[in-house]
């Protein structure tokens, strides 16, 4: 978002799919992700930065999927990117009394 004047970052949550999933969204108004990068965004060693390993989103997706969720990215209609994390909601009564 450094290269844009109107910087805005929104973090939102909501329950979806009949309250069986929780969605957390991180929405920015930056330049967005170039098409050639977006296709490989969650692969290891893909980066848009001058330095760094490019492992962050790959590891994040692995963690989310290990918890039976999904991590995705899409263009923000007003510019920038929308990242969505969807995770199943586990209710306390579903955990049992095992501690």
PDB file of N, CA and C in Angstrom:
ATOM      1  N   UNK A   1       0.815  -1.197   0.000  1.00  0.00           N
ATOM      2  CA  UNK A   1       0.000   0.000   0.000  1.00  0.00           C
ATOM      3  C   UNK A   1       0.859   1.262   0.000  1.00  0.00           C
ATOM      4  N   UNK A   2       2.170   1.124   0.038  1.00  0.00           N
ATOM      5  CA  UNK A   2       3.045   2.294   0.106  1.00  0.00           C
ATOM      6  C   UNK A   2       2.890   3.214  -1.090  1.00  0.00           C
ATOM      7  N   UNK A   3       2.603   2.680  -2.259  1.00  0.00           N
ATOM      8  CA  UNK A   3       2.596   3.478  -3.482  1.00  0.00           C
ATOM      9  C   UNK A   3       1.260   4.161  -3.766  1.00  0.00           C
ATOM     10  N   UNK A   4       0.270   4.008  -2.898  1.00  0.00           N
ATOM     11  CA  UNK A   4      -1.035   4.637  -3.139  1.00  0.00           C
ATOM     12  C   UNK A   4      -1.298   5.717  -2.097  1.00  0.00           C
ATOM     13  N   UNK A   5      -2.097   6.696  -2.487  1.00  0.00           N
ATOM     14  CA  UNK A   5      -2.404   7.797  -1.578  1.00  0.00           C
ATOM     15  C   UNK A   5      -3.470   7.415  -0.555  1.00  0.00           C
ATOM     16  N   UNK A   6      -4.586   6.854  -1.001  1.00  0.00           N
ATOM     17  CA  UNK A   6      -5.693   6.518  -0.107  1.00  0.00           C
ATOM     18  C   UNK A   6      -5.526   5.146   0.501  1.00  0.00           C
ATOM     19  N   UNK A   7      -4.722   5.043   1.527  1.00  0.00           N
ATOM     20  CA  UNK A   7      -4.458   3.742   2.158  1.00  0.00           C
ATOM     21  C   UNK A   7      -5.551   3.394   3.159  1.00  0.00           C
ATOM     22  N   UNK A   8      -6.098   2.198   2.986  1.00  0.00           N
ATOM     23  CA  UNK A   8      -7.107   1.728   3.925  1.00  0.00           C
ATOM     24  C   UNK A   8      -6.934   0.225   4.102  1.00  0.00           C
ATOM     25  N   UNK A   9      -6.970  -0.215   5.343  1.00  0.00           N
ATOM     26  CA  UNK A   9      -6.878  -1.636   5.671  1.00  0.00           C
ATOM     27  C   UNK A   9      -8.065  -1.982   6.552  1.00  0.00           C
ATOM     28  N   UNK A  10      -8.853  -2.943   6.123  1.00  0.00           N
ATOM     29  CA  UNK A  10     -10.052  -3.353   6.860  1.00  0.00           C
ATOM     30  C   UNK A  10      -9.901  -4.821   7.231  1.00  0.00           C
ATOM     31  N   UNK A  11     -10.181  -5.137   8.487  1.00  0.00           N
ATOM     32  CA  UNK A  11     -10.208  -6.517   8.953  1.00  0.00           C
ATOM     33  C   UNK A  11     -11.618  -6.779   9.448  1.00  0.00           C
ATOM     34  N   UNK A  12     -12.263  -7.811   8.894  1.00  0.00           N
ATOM     35  CA  UNK A  12     -13.659  -8.096   9.220  1.00  0.00           C
ATOM     36  C   UNK A  12     -13.837  -9.585   9.475  1.00  0.00           C
ATOM     37  N   UNK A  13     -14.826  -9.908  10.293  1.00  0.00           N
ATOM     38  CA  UNK A  13     -15.160 -11.310  10.550  1.00  0.00           C
ATOM     39  C   UNK A  13     -16.667 -11.493  10.417  1.00  0.00           C
ATOM     40  N   UNK A  14     -17.061 -12.719  10.094  1.00  0.00           N
ATOM     41  CA  UNK A  14     -18.483 -13.047  10.040  1.00  0.00           C
ATOM     42  C   UNK A  14     -18.639 -14.557  10.044  1.00  0.00           C
ATOM     43  N   UNK A  15     -19.805 -15.000  10.482  1.00  0.00           N
ATOM     44  CA  UNK A  15     -20.162 -16.414  10.412  1.00  0.00           C
ATOM     45  C   UNK A  15     -20.886 -16.630   9.089  1.00  0.00           C
ATOM     46  N   UNK A  16     -20.599 -17.733   8.418  1.00  0.00           N
ATOM     47  CA  UNK A  16     -21.240 -18.033   7.147  1.00  0.00           C
ATOM     48  C   UNK A  16     -21.645 -19.494   7.098  1.00  0.00           C
ATOM     49  N   UNK A  17     -22.347 -19.856   6.047  1.00  0.00           N
ATOM     50  CA  UNK A  17     -22.772 -21.239   5.816  1.00  0.00           C
ATOM     51  C   UNK A  17     -23.518 -21.792   7.026  1.00  0.00           C
ATOM     52  N   UNK A  18     -24.627 -21.141   7.361  1.00  0.00           N
ATOM     53  CA  UNK A  18     -25.479 -21.555   8.480  1.00  0.00           C
ATOM     54  C   UNK A  18     -24.683 -21.655   9.783  1.00  0.00           C
ATOM     55  N   UNK A  19     -23.787 -20.688   9.983  1.00  0.00           N
ATOM     56  CA  UNK A  19     -22.963 -20.608  11.195  1.00  0.00           C
ATOM     57  C   UNK A  19     -22.066 -21.823  11.412  1.00  0.00           C
ATOM     58  N   UNK A  20     -21.663 -22.484  10.335  1.00  0.00           N
ATOM     59  CA  UNK A  20     -20.734 -23.610  10.475  1.00  0.00           C
ATOM     60  C   UNK A  20     -19.303 -23.204  10.152  1.00  0.00           C
ATOM     61  N   UNK A  21     -19.145 -22.032   9.528  1.00  0.00           N
ATOM     62  CA  UNK A  21     -17.820 -21.542   9.158  1.00  0.00           C
ATOM     63  C   UNK A  21     -17.665 -20.097   9.633  1.00  0.00           C
ATOM     64  N   UNK A  22     -16.444 -19.757  10.001  1.00  0.00           N
ATOM     65  CA  UNK A  22     -16.100 -18.374  10.333  1.00  0.00           C
ATOM     66  C   UNK A  22     -15.183 -17.858   9.238  1.00  0.00           C
ATOM     67  N   UNK A  23     -15.430 -16.625   8.828  1.00  0.00           N
ATOM     68  CA  UNK A  23     -14.605 -16.009   7.797  1.00  0.00           C
ATOM     69  C   UNK A  23     -13.950 -14.763   8.362  1.00  0.00           C
ATOM     70  N   UNK A  24     -12.650 -14.663   8.178  1.00  0.00           N
ATOM     71  CA  UNK A  24     -11.913 -13.446   8.516  1.00  0.00           C
ATOM     72  C   UNK A  24     -11.367 -12.892   7.208  1.00  0.00           C
ATOM     73  N   UNK A  25     -11.617 -11.619   6.963  1.00  0.00           N
ATOM     74  CA  UNK A  25     -11.156 -10.974   5.732  1.00  0.00           C
ATOM     75  C   UNK A  25     -10.173  -9.866   6.071  1.00  0.00           C
ATOM     76  N   UNK A  26      -9.126  -9.771   5.274  1.00  0.00           N
ATOM     77  CA  UNK A  26      -8.170  -8.673   5.354  1.00  0.00           C
ATOM     78  C   UNK A  26      -8.209  -8.003   3.990  1.00  0.00           C
ATOM     79  N   UNK A  27      -8.661  -6.749   3.970  1.00  0.00           N
ATOM     80  CA  UNK A  27      -8.924  -6.043   2.722  1.00  0.00           C
ATOM     81  C   UNK A  27      -8.058  -4.793   2.688  1.00  0.00           C
ATOM     82  N   UNK A  28      -7.285  -4.623   1.604  1.00  0.00           N
ATOM     83  CA  UNK A  28      -6.478  -3.417   1.489  1.00  0.00           C
ATOM     84  C   UNK A  28      -6.817  -2.678   0.200  1.00  0.00           C
ATOM     85  N   UNK A  29      -6.354  -1.451   0.122  1.00  0.00           N
ATOM     86  CA  UNK A  29      -6.586  -0.621  -1.053  1.00  0.00           C
ATOM     87  C   UNK A  29      -5.275  -0.312  -1.765  1.00  0.00           C
ATOM     88  N   UNK A  30      -4.354  -1.259  -1.729  1.00  0.00           N
ATOM     89  CA  UNK A  30      -3.058  -1.067  -2.382  1.00  0.00           C
ATOM     90  C   UNK A  30      -3.155  -1.232  -3.886  1.00  0.00           C
ATOM     91  N   UNK A  31      -2.035  -1.567  -4.506  1.00  0.00           N
ATOM     92  CA  UNK A  31      -1.964  -1.714  -5.956  1.00  0.00           C
ATOM     93  C   UNK A  31      -2.539  -3.042  -6.437  1.00  0.00           C
ATOM     94  N   UNK A  32      -2.771  -3.963  -5.549  1.00  0.00           N
ATOM     95  CA  UNK A  32      -3.244  -5.275  -5.957  1.00  0.00           C
ATOM     96  C   UNK A  32      -2.084  -6.191  -6.303  1.00  0.00           C
ATOM     97  N   UNK A  33      -2.406  -7.395  -6.681  1.00  0.00           N
ATOM     98  CA  UNK A  33      -1.395  -8.400  -7.002  1.00  0.00           C
ATOM     99  C   UNK A  33      -1.408  -8.624  -8.507  1.00  0.00           C
ATOM    100  N   UNK A  34      -0.245  -8.542  -9.121  1.00  0.00           N
ATOM    101  CA  UNK A  34      -0.148  -8.744 -10.568  1.00  0.00           C
ATOM    102  C   UNK A  34      -0.638 -10.145 -10.944  1.00  0.00           C
ATOM    103  N   UNK A  35      -1.258 -10.261 -12.107  1.00  0.00           N
ATOM    104  CA  UNK A  35      -1.841 -11.523 -12.563  1.00  0.00           C
ATOM    105  C   UNK A  35      -0.816 -12.648 -12.594  1.00  0.00           C
ATOM    106  N   UNK A  36       0.406 -12.367 -13.039  1.00  0.00           N
ATOM    107  CA  UNK A  36       1.422 -13.425 -13.129  1.00  0.00           C
ATOM    108  C   UNK A  36       1.848 -13.931 -11.751  1.00  0.00           C
ATOM    109  N   UNK A  37       1.674 -13.112 -10.732  1.00  0.00           N
ATOM    110  CA  UNK A  37       1.990 -13.531  -9.360  1.00  0.00           C
ATOM    111  C   UNK A  37       0.783 -14.209  -8.723  1.00  0.00           C
ATOM    112  N   UNK A  38      -0.416 -13.696  -8.976  1.00  0.00           N
ATOM    113  CA  UNK A  38      -1.611 -14.216  -8.301  1.00  0.00           C
ATOM    114  C   UNK A  38      -1.838 -15.691  -8.572  1.00  0.00           C
ATOM    115  N   UNK A  39      -1.452 -16.171  -9.742  1.00  0.00           N
ATOM    116  CA  UNK A  39      -1.617 -17.589 -10.069  1.00  0.00           C
ATOM    117  C   UNK A  39      -0.738 -18.485  -9.207  1.00  0.00           C
ATOM    118  N   UNK A  40       0.375 -17.941  -8.704  1.00  0.00           N
ATOM    119  CA  UNK A  40       1.330 -18.735  -7.924  1.00  0.00           C
ATOM    120  C   UNK A  40       1.479 -18.228  -6.494  1.00  0.00           C
ATOM    121  N   UNK A  41       0.583 -17.366  -6.060  1.00  0.00           N
ATOM    122  CA  UNK A  41       0.726 -16.619  -4.818  1.00  0.00           C
ATOM    123  C   UNK A  41       0.999 -17.490  -3.594  1.00  0.00           C
ATOM    124  N   UNK A  42       0.368 -18.656  -3.518  1.00  0.00           N
ATOM    125  CA  UNK A  42       0.493 -19.498  -2.327  1.00  0.00           C
ATOM    126  C   UNK A  42       1.549 -20.591  -2.476  1.00  0.00           C
ATOM    127  N   UNK A  43       2.326 -20.550  -3.544  1.00  0.00           N
ATOM    128  CA  UNK A  43       3.409 -21.507  -3.725  1.00  0.00           C
ATOM    129  C   UNK A  43       4.647 -21.024  -2.966  1.00  0.00           C
ATOM    130  N   UNK A  44       5.450 -21.966  -2.460  1.00  0.00           N
ATOM    131  CA  UNK A  44       6.671 -21.563  -1.749  1.00  0.00           C
ATOM    132  C   UNK A  44       7.604 -20.754  -2.655  1.00  0.00           C
ATOM    133  N   UNK A  45       8.273 -19.790  -2.069  1.00  0.00           N
ATOM    134  CA  UNK A  45       9.313 -18.963  -2.689  1.00  0.00           C
ATOM    135  C   UNK A  45       8.783 -17.968  -3.721  1.00  0.00           C
ATOM    136  N   UNK A  46       7.484 -17.715  -3.759  1.00  0.00           N
ATOM    137  CA  UNK A  46       6.926 -16.675  -4.618  1.00  0.00           C
ATOM    138  C   UNK A  46       6.821 -15.407  -3.786  1.00  0.00           C
ATOM    139  N   UNK A  47       7.391 -14.325  -4.276  1.00  0.00           N
ATOM    140  CA  UNK A  47       7.364 -13.072  -3.539  1.00  0.00           C
ATOM    141  C   UNK A  47       7.242 -11.883  -4.480  1.00  0.00           C
ATOM    142  N   UNK A  48       6.676 -10.806  -3.989  1.00  0.00           N
ATOM    143  CA  UNK A  48       6.609  -9.558  -4.736  1.00  0.00           C
ATOM    144  C   UNK A  48       7.608  -8.555  -4.182  1.00  0.00           C
ATOM    145  N   UNK A  49       8.342  -8.953  -3.160  1.00  0.00           N
ATOM    146  CA  UNK A  49       9.276  -8.047  -2.487  1.00  0.00           C
ATOM    147  C   UNK A  49      10.695  -8.237  -3.019  1.00  0.00           C
ATOM    148  N   UNK A  50      11.516  -7.197  -2.845  1.00  0.00           N
ATOM    149  CA  UNK A  50      12.900  -7.246  -3.311  1.00  0.00           C
ATOM    150  C   UNK A  50      13.723  -8.255  -2.515  1.00  0.00           C
ATOM    151  N   UNK A  51      13.363  -8.458  -1.248  1.00  0.00           N
ATOM    152  CA  UNK A  51      14.075  -9.444  -0.428  1.00  0.00           C
ATOM    153  C   UNK A  51      13.045 -10.242   0.367  1.00  0.00           C
ATOM    154  N   UNK A  52      13.442 -11.381   0.807  1.00  0.00           N
ATOM    155  CA  UNK A  52      12.541 -12.244   1.557  1.00  0.00           C
ATOM    156  C   UNK A  52      12.465 -13.618   0.911  1.00  0.00           C
ATOM    157  N   UNK A  53      11.918 -14.561   1.646  1.00  0.00           N
ATOM    158  CA  UNK A  53      11.905 -15.942   1.168  1.00  0.00           C
ATOM    159  C   UNK A  53      10.661 -16.305   0.382  1.00  0.00           C
ATOM    160  N   UNK A  54       9.574 -15.554   0.544  1.00  0.00           N
ATOM    161  CA  UNK A  54       8.344 -15.891  -0.155  1.00  0.00           C
ATOM    162  C   UNK A  54       7.661 -17.109   0.417  1.00  0.00           C
ATOM    163  N   UNK A  55       7.885 -17.390   1.689  1.00  0.00           N
ATOM    164  CA  UNK A  55       7.282 -18.564   2.325  1.00  0.00           C
ATOM    165  C   UNK A  55       6.055 -18.230   3.167  1.00  0.00           C
ATOM    166  N   UNK A  56       5.819 -16.970   3.455  1.00  0.00           N
ATOM    167  CA  UNK A  56       4.761 -16.582   4.387  1.00  0.00           C
ATOM    168  C   UNK A  56       3.385 -17.089   4.010  1.00  0.00           C
ATOM    169  N   UNK A  57       2.912 -16.798   2.806  1.00  0.00           N
ATOM    170  CA  UNK A  57       1.564 -17.217   2.414  1.00  0.00           C
ATOM    171  C   UNK A  57       1.464 -18.722   2.217  1.00  0.00           C
ATOM    172  N   UNK A  58       2.543 -19.341   1.783  1.00  0.00           N
ATOM    173  CA  UNK A  58       2.552 -20.793   1.630  1.00  0.00           C
ATOM    174  C   UNK A  58       2.364 -21.477   2.986  1.00  0.00           C
ATOM    175  N   UNK A  59       3.074 -21.002   3.983  1.00  0.00           N
ATOM    176  CA  UNK A  59       2.963 -21.563   5.337  1.00  0.00           C
ATOM    177  C   UNK A  59       1.587 -21.257   5.926  1.00  0.00           C
ATOM    178  N   UNK A  60       1.101 -20.033   5.714  1.00  0.00           N
ATOM    179  CA  UNK A  60      -0.237 -19.676   6.218  1.00  0.00           C
ATOM    180  C   UNK A  60      -1.299 -20.605   5.641  1.00  0.00           C
ATOM    181  N   UNK A  61      -1.238 -20.863   4.348  1.00  0.00           N
ATOM    182  CA  UNK A  61      -2.239 -21.737   3.725  1.00  0.00           C
ATOM    183  C   UNK A  61      -2.147 -23.146   4.313  1.00  0.00           C
ATOM    184  N   UNK A  62      -0.943 -23.657   4.525  1.00  0.00           N
ATOM    185  CA  UNK A  62      -0.781 -24.988   5.123  1.00  0.00           C
ATOM    186  C   UNK A  62      -1.406 -25.050   6.514  1.00  0.00           C
ATOM    187  N   UNK A  63      -1.207 -24.019   7.309  1.00  0.00           N
ATOM    188  CA  UNK A  63      -1.765 -23.988   8.665  1.00  0.00           C
ATOM    189  C   UNK A  63      -3.284 -23.958   8.611  1.00  0.00           C
ATOM    190  N   UNK A  64      -3.840 -23.094   7.766  1.00  0.00           N
ATOM    191  CA  UNK A  64      -5.294 -22.980   7.651  1.00  0.00           C
ATOM    192  C   UNK A  64      -5.891 -24.301   7.160  1.00  0.00           C
ATOM    193  N   UNK A  65      -5.285 -24.910   6.154  1.00  0.00           N
ATOM    194  CA  UNK A  65      -5.801 -26.178   5.627  1.00  0.00           C
ATOM    195  C   UNK A  65      -5.668 -27.313   6.636  1.00  0.00           C
ATOM    196  N   UNK A  66      -4.638 -27.277   7.482  1.00  0.00           N
ATOM    197  CA  UNK A  66      -4.487 -28.286   8.532  1.00  0.00           C
ATOM    198  C   UNK A  66      -5.621 -28.206   9.549  1.00  0.00           C
ATOM    199  N   UNK A  67      -6.274 -27.039   9.616  1.00  0.00           N
ATOM    200  CA  UNK A  67      -7.422 -26.848  10.500  1.00  0.00           C
ATOM    201  C   UNK A  67      -8.742 -26.938   9.726  1.00  0.00           C
ATOM    202  N   UNK A  68      -8.688 -27.593   8.572  1.00  0.00           N
ATOM    203  CA  UNK A  68      -9.868 -27.848   7.723  1.00  0.00           C
ATOM    204  C   UNK A  68     -10.486 -26.562   7.194  1.00  0.00           C
ATOM    205  N   UNK A  69      -9.638 -25.582   6.901  1.00  0.00           N
ATOM    206  CA  UNK A  69     -10.111 -24.310   6.384  1.00  0.00           C
ATOM    207  C   UNK A  69      -9.567 -24.017   5.003  1.00  0.00           C
ATOM    208  N   UNK A  70      -9.802 -22.793   4.561  1.00  0.00           N
ATOM    209  CA  UNK A  70      -9.351 -22.340   3.251  1.00  0.00           C
ATOM    210  C   UNK A  70      -8.790 -20.927   3.374  1.00  0.00           C
ATOM    211  N   UNK A  71      -7.752 -20.654   2.608  1.00  0.00           N
ATOM    212  CA  UNK A  71      -7.170 -19.323   2.517  1.00  0.00           C
ATOM    213  C   UNK A  71      -7.170 -18.938   1.045  1.00  0.00           C
ATOM    214  N   UNK A  72      -7.723 -17.767   0.729  1.00  0.00           N
ATOM    215  CA  UNK A  72      -7.788 -17.346  -0.669  1.00  0.00           C
ATOM    216  C   UNK A  72      -7.496 -15.862  -0.786  1.00  0.00           C
ATOM    217  N   UNK A  73      -7.195 -15.451  -2.006  1.00  0.00           N
ATOM    218  CA  UNK A  73      -6.959 -14.040  -2.311  1.00  0.00           C
ATOM    219  C   UNK A  73      -7.707 -13.706  -3.585  1.00  0.00           C
ATOM    220  N   UNK A  74      -8.244 -12.489  -3.635  1.00  0.00           N
ATOM    221  CA  UNK A  74      -8.969 -12.020  -4.810  1.00  0.00           C
ATOM    222  C   UNK A  74      -8.775 -10.519  -4.929  1.00  0.00           C
ATOM    223  N   UNK A  75      -8.922  -9.994  -6.139  1.00  0.00           N
ATOM    224  CA  UNK A  75      -8.828  -8.540  -6.291  1.00  0.00           C
ATOM    225  C   UNK A  75      -9.942  -7.837  -5.528  1.00  0.00           C
ATOM    226  N   UNK A  76      -9.608  -6.707  -4.913  1.00  0.00           N
ATOM    227  CA  UNK A  76     -10.596  -5.848  -4.268  1.00  0.00           C
ATOM    228  C   UNK A  76     -11.224  -4.992  -5.368  1.00  0.00           C
ATOM    229  N   UNK A  77     -12.542  -5.003  -5.528  1.00  0.00           N
ATOM    230  CA  UNK A  77     -13.166  -4.216  -6.597  1.00  0.00           C
ATOM    231  C   UNK A  77     -12.782  -2.735  -6.591  1.00  0.00           C
ATOM    232  N   UNK A  78     -12.472  -2.182  -5.421  1.00  0.00           N
ATOM    233  CA  UNK A  78     -12.089  -0.762  -5.354  1.00  0.00           C
ATOM    234  C   UNK A  78     -10.573  -0.579  -5.339  1.00  0.00           C
ATOM    235  N   UNK A  79      -9.830  -1.608  -5.730  1.00  0.00           N
ATOM    236  CA  UNK A  79      -8.369  -1.557  -5.759  1.00  0.00           C
ATOM    237  C   UNK A  79      -7.782  -2.287  -4.580  1.00  0.00           C
ATOM    238  N   UNK A  80      -6.683  -2.968  -4.786  1.00  0.00           N
ATOM    239  CA  UNK A  80      -6.041  -3.726  -3.727  1.00  0.00           C
ATOM    240  C   UNK A  80      -6.420  -5.187  -3.770  1.00  0.00           C
ATOM    241  N   UNK A  81      -6.366  -5.834  -2.616  1.00  0.00           N
ATOM    242  CA  UNK A  81      -6.564  -7.277  -2.524  1.00  0.00           C
ATOM    243  C   UNK A  81      -7.423  -7.615  -1.315  1.00  0.00           C
ATOM    244  N   UNK A  82      -8.182  -8.705  -1.448  1.00  0.00           N
ATOM    245  CA  UNK A  82      -8.978  -9.246  -0.348  1.00  0.00           C
ATOM    246  C   UNK A  82      -8.445 -10.638  -0.049  1.00  0.00           C
ATOM    247  N   UNK A  83      -7.945 -10.839   1.154  1.00  0.00           N
ATOM    248  CA  UNK A  83      -7.553 -12.172   1.620  1.00  0.00           C
ATOM    249  C   UNK A  83      -8.665 -12.679   2.519  1.00  0.00           C
ATOM    250  N   UNK A  84      -9.074 -13.932   2.321  1.00  0.00           N
ATOM    251  CA  UNK A  84     -10.126 -14.531   3.148  1.00  0.00           C
ATOM    252  C   UNK A  84      -9.609 -15.821   3.772  1.00  0.00           C
ATOM    253  N   UNK A  85      -9.850 -15.942   5.066  1.00  0.00           N
ATOM    254  CA  UNK A  85      -9.563 -17.175   5.798  1.00  0.00           C
ATOM    255  C   UNK A  85     -10.901 -17.720   6.261  1.00  0.00           C
ATOM    256  N   UNK A  86     -11.203 -18.943   5.870  1.00  0.00           N
ATOM    257  CA  UNK A  86     -12.432 -19.600   6.320  1.00  0.00           C
ATOM    258  C   UNK A  86     -12.044 -20.813   7.158  1.00  0.00           C
ATOM    259  N   UNK A  87     -12.633 -20.884   8.353  1.00  0.00           N
ATOM    260  CA  UNK A  87     -12.358 -21.982   9.273  1.00  0.00           C
ATOM    261  C   UNK A  87     -13.666 -22.518   9.829  1.00  0.00           C
ATOM    262  N   UNK A  88     -13.732 -23.832  10.071  1.00  0.00           N
ATOM    263  CA  UNK A  88     -14.946 -24.380  10.671  1.00  0.00           C
ATOM    264  C   UNK A  88     -15.113 -23.877  12.100  1.00  0.00           C
ATOM    265  N   UNK A  89     -16.366 -23.640  12.473  1.00  0.00           N
ATOM    266  CA  UNK A  89     -16.673 -23.229  13.845  1.00  0.00           C
ATOM    267  C   UNK A  89     -16.873 -24.482  14.681  1.00  0.00           C
ATOM    268  N   UNK A  90     -16.139 -24.569  15.760  1.00  0.00           N
ATOM    269  CA  UNK A  90     -16.307 -25.671  16.707  1.00  0.00           C
ATOM    270  C   UNK A  90     -16.973 -25.106  17.949  1.00  0.00           C
ATOM    271  N   UNK A  91     -18.102 -25.649  18.272  1.00  0.00           N
ATOM    272  CA  UNK A  91     -18.833 -25.182  19.458  1.00  0.00           C
ATOM    273  C   UNK A  91     -18.319 -25.929  20.685  1.00  0.00           C
ATOM    274  N   UNK A  92     -18.399 -25.270  21.811  1.00  0.00           N
ATOM    275  CA  UNK A  92     -17.895 -25.855  23.055  1.00  0.00           C
ATOM    276  C   UNK A  92     -18.522 -27.221  23.325  1.00  0.00           C
ATOM    277  N   UNK A  93     -19.824 -27.368  23.058  1.00  0.00           N
ATOM    278  CA  UNK A  93     -20.492 -28.637  23.325  1.00  0.00           C
ATOM    279  C   UNK A  93     -19.994 -29.754  22.399  1.00  0.00           C
ATOM    280  N   UNK A  94     -19.412 -29.381  21.247  1.00  0.00           N
ATOM    281  CA  UNK A  94     -18.855 -30.363  20.327  1.00  0.00           C
ATOM    282  C   UNK A  94     -17.494 -30.882  20.772  1.00  0.00           C
ATOM    283  N   UNK A  95     -16.850 -30.172  21.706  1.00  0.00           N
ATOM    284  CA  UNK A  95     -15.530 -30.574  22.169  1.00  0.00           C
ATOM    285  C   UNK A  95     -15.572 -31.694  23.178  1.00  0.00           C
ATOM    286  N   UNK A  96     -16.718 -31.935  23.784  1.00  0.00           N
ATOM    287  CA  UNK A  96     -16.820 -32.981  24.802  1.00  0.00           C
ATOM    288  C   UNK A  96     -16.275 -32.510  26.133  1.00  0.00           C
ATOM    289  N   UNK A  97     -16.244 -33.396  27.063  1.00  0.00           N
ATOM    290  CA  UNK A  97     -15.790 -33.024  28.413  1.00  0.00           C
ATOM    291  C   UNK A  97     -14.371 -33.519  28.675  1.00  0.00           C
ATOM    292  N   UNK A  98     -13.615 -33.784  27.633  1.00  0.00           N
ATOM    293  CA  UNK A  98     -12.273 -34.309  27.786  1.00  0.00           C
ATOM    294  C   UNK A  98     -11.249 -33.303  28.234  1.00  0.00           C
ATOM    295  N   UNK A  99     -11.635 -32.084  28.513  1.00  0.00           N
ATOM    296  CA  UNK A  99     -10.685 -31.160  29.066  1.00  0.00           C
ATOM    297  C   UNK A  99     -10.460 -29.973  28.290  1.00  0.00           C
TER     298      UNK A  99
END
